[in-house]
Amino acid sequence: MSAMGAKAKRHVTDLVAKALDISTLLGYQSDAVVSREIIKKDAGTVTLFAFDKGQGLSEHTAPFDALVYVVDGAAEVIISGKPNKINKGDMIILPANKPHALKAIKQFKMLLVMIKK
């Protein structure tokens, strides 16, 4: 198993109170979308995703605003029919109850922060 694969298998409690390079916490997989929950609380979640090129999430809505921060790569995010290209270092807010979808233009990692309250 690669060093990155070993890091991706660490339990969430192994992440607490440590400075970590977020880009190493989850690897890419061919023709797949991979996710790793970083924080899960009643008030919301923080999840890291890795998308292979061409992979994405189909259009859907969520009852809460969500913040997407691009860790690596680039993607197209469509919100209520409007396309937005996002790149490493960018962020975009997905508004509650508005349809949105995304597709990786190239390999793409994002941190999704959803606060429910």
C-alpha atoms as a PDB file:
ATOM      1  CA  MET A   1       0.000   0.000   0.000  1.00  0.00           C
ATOM      2  CA  SER A   2       1.326   3.448  -0.867  1.00  0.00           C
ATOM      3  CA  ALA A   3       2.056   6.052   1.799  1.00  0.00           C
ATOM      4  CA  MET A   4      -0.924   8.054   0.544  1.00  0.00           C
ATOM      5  CA  GLY A   5      -3.179   5.001   0.810  1.00  0.00           C
ATOM      6  CA  ALA A   6      -2.009   4.376   4.367  1.00  0.00           C
ATOM      7  CA  LYS A   7      -2.701   8.007   5.282  1.00  0.00           C
ATOM      8  CA  ALA A   8      -6.177   7.793   3.770  1.00  0.00           C
ATOM      9  CA  LYS A   9      -7.035   4.888   6.055  1.00  0.00           C
ATOM     10  CA  ARG A  10      -6.238   6.757   9.274  1.00  0.00           C
ATOM     11  CA  HIS A  11      -9.163   7.025  11.637  1.00  0.00           C
ATOM     12  CA  VAL A  12     -10.707  10.495  12.029  1.00  0.00           C
ATOM     13  CA  THR A  13      -9.446  10.751  15.616  1.00  0.00           C
ATOM     14  CA  ASP A  14      -5.900  10.436  14.254  1.00  0.00           C
ATOM     15  CA  LEU A  15      -6.425  13.813  12.561  1.00  0.00           C
ATOM     16  CA  VAL A  16      -7.250  15.812  15.684  1.00  0.00           C
ATOM     17  CA  ALA A  17      -4.791  18.446  16.977  1.00  0.00           C
ATOM     18  CA  LYS A  18      -2.249  17.788  14.212  1.00  0.00           C
ATOM     19  CA  ALA A  19      -1.044  19.944  11.334  1.00  0.00           C
ATOM     20  CA  LEU A  20      -1.674  17.939   8.156  1.00  0.00           C
ATOM     21  CA  ASP A  21      -1.450  18.449   4.413  1.00  0.00           C
ATOM     22  CA  ILE A  22      -5.100  17.943   3.437  1.00  0.00           C
ATOM     23  CA  SER A  23      -4.175  16.974  -0.119  1.00  0.00           C
ATOM     24  CA  THR A  24      -2.530  13.767   1.179  1.00  0.00           C
ATOM     25  CA  LEU A  25      -5.515  12.519   3.194  1.00  0.00           C
ATOM     26  CA  LEU A  26      -7.279  10.992   0.197  1.00  0.00           C
ATOM     27  CA  GLY A  27      -5.963   9.572  -3.064  1.00  0.00           C
ATOM     28  CA  TYR A  28      -7.451   9.460  -6.541  1.00  0.00           C
ATOM     29  CA  GLN A  29      -8.922   6.237  -7.925  1.00  0.00           C
ATOM     30  CA  SER A  30      -9.348   5.537 -11.620  1.00  0.00           C
ATOM     31  CA  ASP A  31     -12.858   6.321 -12.961  1.00  0.00           C
ATOM     32  CA  ALA A  32     -14.177   6.962  -9.445  1.00  0.00           C
ATOM     33  CA  VAL A  33     -15.261   9.471  -6.833  1.00  0.00           C
ATOM     34  CA  VAL A  34     -13.774   8.822  -3.402  1.00  0.00           C
ATOM     35  CA  SER A  35     -14.776  10.539  -0.161  1.00  0.00           C
ATOM     36  CA  ARG A  36     -13.548  10.719   3.400  1.00  0.00           C
ATOM     37  CA  GLU A  37     -15.529  12.252   6.228  1.00  0.00           C
ATOM     38  CA  ILE A  38     -13.252  14.480   8.299  1.00  0.00           C
ATOM     39  CA  ILE A  39     -15.819  15.794  10.820  1.00  0.00           C
ATOM     40  CA  LYS A  40     -19.359  14.557  11.447  1.00  0.00           C
ATOM     41  CA  LYS A  41     -21.469  16.414  14.008  1.00  0.00           C
ATOM     42  CA  ASP A  42     -25.172  17.125  14.405  1.00  0.00           C
ATOM     43  CA  ALA A  43     -24.445  20.707  13.324  1.00  0.00           C
ATOM     44  CA  GLY A  44     -22.787  19.661  10.069  1.00  0.00           C
ATOM     45  CA  THR A  45     -20.061  17.779   8.239  1.00  0.00           C
ATOM     46  CA  VAL A  46     -16.676  18.313   6.625  1.00  0.00           C
ATOM     47  CA  THR A  47     -15.905  15.831   3.847  1.00  0.00           C
ATOM     48  CA  LEU A  48     -12.923  15.513   1.515  1.00  0.00           C
ATOM     49  CA  PHE A  49     -13.647  14.269  -2.020  1.00  0.00           C
ATOM     50  CA  ALA A  50     -11.328  13.115  -4.824  1.00  0.00           C
ATOM     51  CA  PHE A  51     -12.762  12.915  -8.369  1.00  0.00           C
ATOM     52  CA  ASP A  52     -10.987  11.329 -11.299  1.00  0.00           C
ATOM     53  CA  LYS A  53     -11.128  13.363 -14.522  1.00  0.00           C
ATOM     54  CA  GLY A  54     -14.638  13.315 -15.993  1.00  0.00           C
ATOM     55  CA  GLN A  55     -16.286  12.127 -12.789  1.00  0.00           C
ATOM     56  CA  GLY A  56     -18.850  14.250 -10.971  1.00  0.00           C
ATOM     57  CA  LEU A  57     -22.009  14.588  -8.968  1.00  0.00           C
ATOM     58  CA  SER A  58     -25.346  14.709 -10.775  1.00  0.00           C
ATOM     59  CA  GLU A  59     -27.720  17.607 -10.230  1.00  0.00           C
ATOM     60  CA  HIS A  60     -29.308  17.645  -6.794  1.00  0.00           C
ATOM     61  CA  THR A  61     -30.370  20.035  -4.034  1.00  0.00           C
ATOM     62  CA  ALA A  62     -29.508  20.189  -0.349  1.00  0.00           C
ATOM     63  CA  PRO A  63     -31.474  21.823   2.476  1.00  0.00           C
ATOM     64  CA  PHE A  64     -28.395  23.724   3.727  1.00  0.00           C
ATOM     65  CA  ASP A  65     -25.759  26.029   2.273  1.00  0.00           C
ATOM     66  CA  ALA A  66     -22.467  24.280   1.572  1.00  0.00           C
ATOM     67  CA  LEU A  67     -18.975  25.641   1.022  1.00  0.00           C
ATOM     68  CA  VAL A  68     -16.700  23.950  -1.507  1.00  0.00           C
ATOM     69  CA  TYR A  69     -12.953  24.621  -1.260  1.00  0.00           C
ATOM     70  CA  VAL A  70     -10.764  23.317  -4.096  1.00  0.00           C
ATOM     71  CA  VAL A  71      -7.738  21.436  -2.741  1.00  0.00           C
ATOM     72  CA  ASP A  72      -6.399  20.276  -6.124  1.00  0.00           C
ATOM     73  CA  GLY A  73      -7.296  20.343  -9.805  1.00  0.00           C
ATOM     74  CA  ALA A  74     -10.270  21.982 -11.501  1.00  0.00           C
ATOM     75  CA  ALA A  75     -13.991  21.402 -11.919  1.00  0.00           C
ATOM     76  CA  GLU A  76     -17.106  22.916 -13.380  1.00  0.00           C
ATOM     77  CA  VAL A  77     -19.838  23.606 -10.845  1.00  0.00           C
ATOM     78  CA  ILE A  78     -23.293  24.380 -12.186  1.00  0.00           C
ATOM     79  CA  ILE A  79     -25.647  26.221  -9.833  1.00  0.00           C
ATOM     80  CA  SER A  80     -29.213  26.827 -11.016  1.00  0.00           C
ATOM     81  CA  GLY A  81     -28.040  26.325 -14.615  1.00  0.00           C
ATOM     82  CA  LYS A  82     -25.079  28.748 -14.358  1.00  0.00           C
ATOM     83  CA  PRO A  83     -21.626  27.178 -14.935  1.00  0.00           C
ATOM     84  CA  ASN A  84     -18.678  28.195 -12.750  1.00  0.00           C
ATOM     85  CA  LYS A  85     -15.101  26.989 -13.325  1.00  0.00           C
ATOM     86  CA  ILE A  86     -13.207  26.506 -10.067  1.00  0.00           C
ATOM     87  CA  ASN A  87      -9.505  25.809  -9.627  1.00  0.00           C
ATOM     88  CA  LYS A  88      -7.087  24.956  -6.827  1.00  0.00           C
ATOM     89  CA  GLY A  89      -7.406  27.557  -4.076  1.00  0.00           C
ATOM     90  CA  ASP A  90     -10.896  28.695  -5.127  1.00  0.00           C
ATOM     91  CA  MET A  91     -14.072  28.367  -3.125  1.00  0.00           C
ATOM     92  CA  ILE A  92     -17.737  28.538  -4.024  1.00  0.00           C
ATOM     93  CA  ILE A  93     -20.882  28.499  -1.893  1.00  0.00           C
ATOM     94  CA  LEU A  94     -23.674  26.172  -2.963  1.00  0.00           C
ATOM     95  CA  PRO A  95     -26.920  27.827  -1.812  1.00  0.00           C
ATOM     96  CA  ALA A  96     -29.556  25.809  -0.001  1.00  0.00           C
ATOM     97  CA  ASN A  97     -32.435  24.469  -2.093  1.00  0.00           C
ATOM     98  CA  LYS A  98     -30.843  25.461  -5.420  1.00  0.00           C
ATOM     99  CA  PRO A  99     -29.993  22.699  -7.916  1.00  0.00           C
ATOM    100  CA  HIS A 100     -26.283  22.123  -8.370  1.00  0.00           C
ATOM    101  CA  ALA A 101     -23.961  19.613 -10.017  1.00  0.00           C
ATOM    102  CA  LEU A 102     -20.254  19.299 -10.664  1.00  0.00           C
ATOM    103  CA  LYS A 103     -17.842  17.601 -13.036  1.00  0.00           C
ATOM    104  CA  ALA A 104     -14.068  17.252 -12.762  1.00  0.00           C
ATOM    105  CA  ILE A 105     -12.324  18.960 -15.689  1.00  0.00           C
ATOM    106  CA  LYS A 106      -9.165  17.163 -14.553  1.00  0.00           C
ATOM    107  CA  GLN A 107      -8.448  15.228 -11.384  1.00  0.00           C
ATOM    108  CA  PHE A 108     -10.061  17.278  -8.640  1.00  0.00           C
ATOM    109  CA  LYS A 109     -10.107  17.305  -4.827  1.00  0.00           C
ATOM    110  CA  MET A 110     -12.507  19.389  -2.794  1.00  0.00           C
ATOM    111  CA  LEU A 111     -13.345  19.965   0.809  1.00  0.00           C
ATOM    112  CA  LEU A 112     -17.104  20.209   1.344  1.00  0.00           C
ATOM    113  CA  VAL A 113     -18.264  22.013   4.483  1.00  0.00           C
ATOM    114  CA  MET A 114     -21.970  21.770   5.275  1.00  0.00           C
ATOM    115  CA  ILE A 115     -23.369  23.506   8.340  1.00  0.00           C
ATOM    116  CA  LYS A 116     -26.890  22.434   9.200  1.00  0.00           C
ATOM    117  CA  LYS A 117     -27.745  24.899  11.959  1.00  0.00           C
END
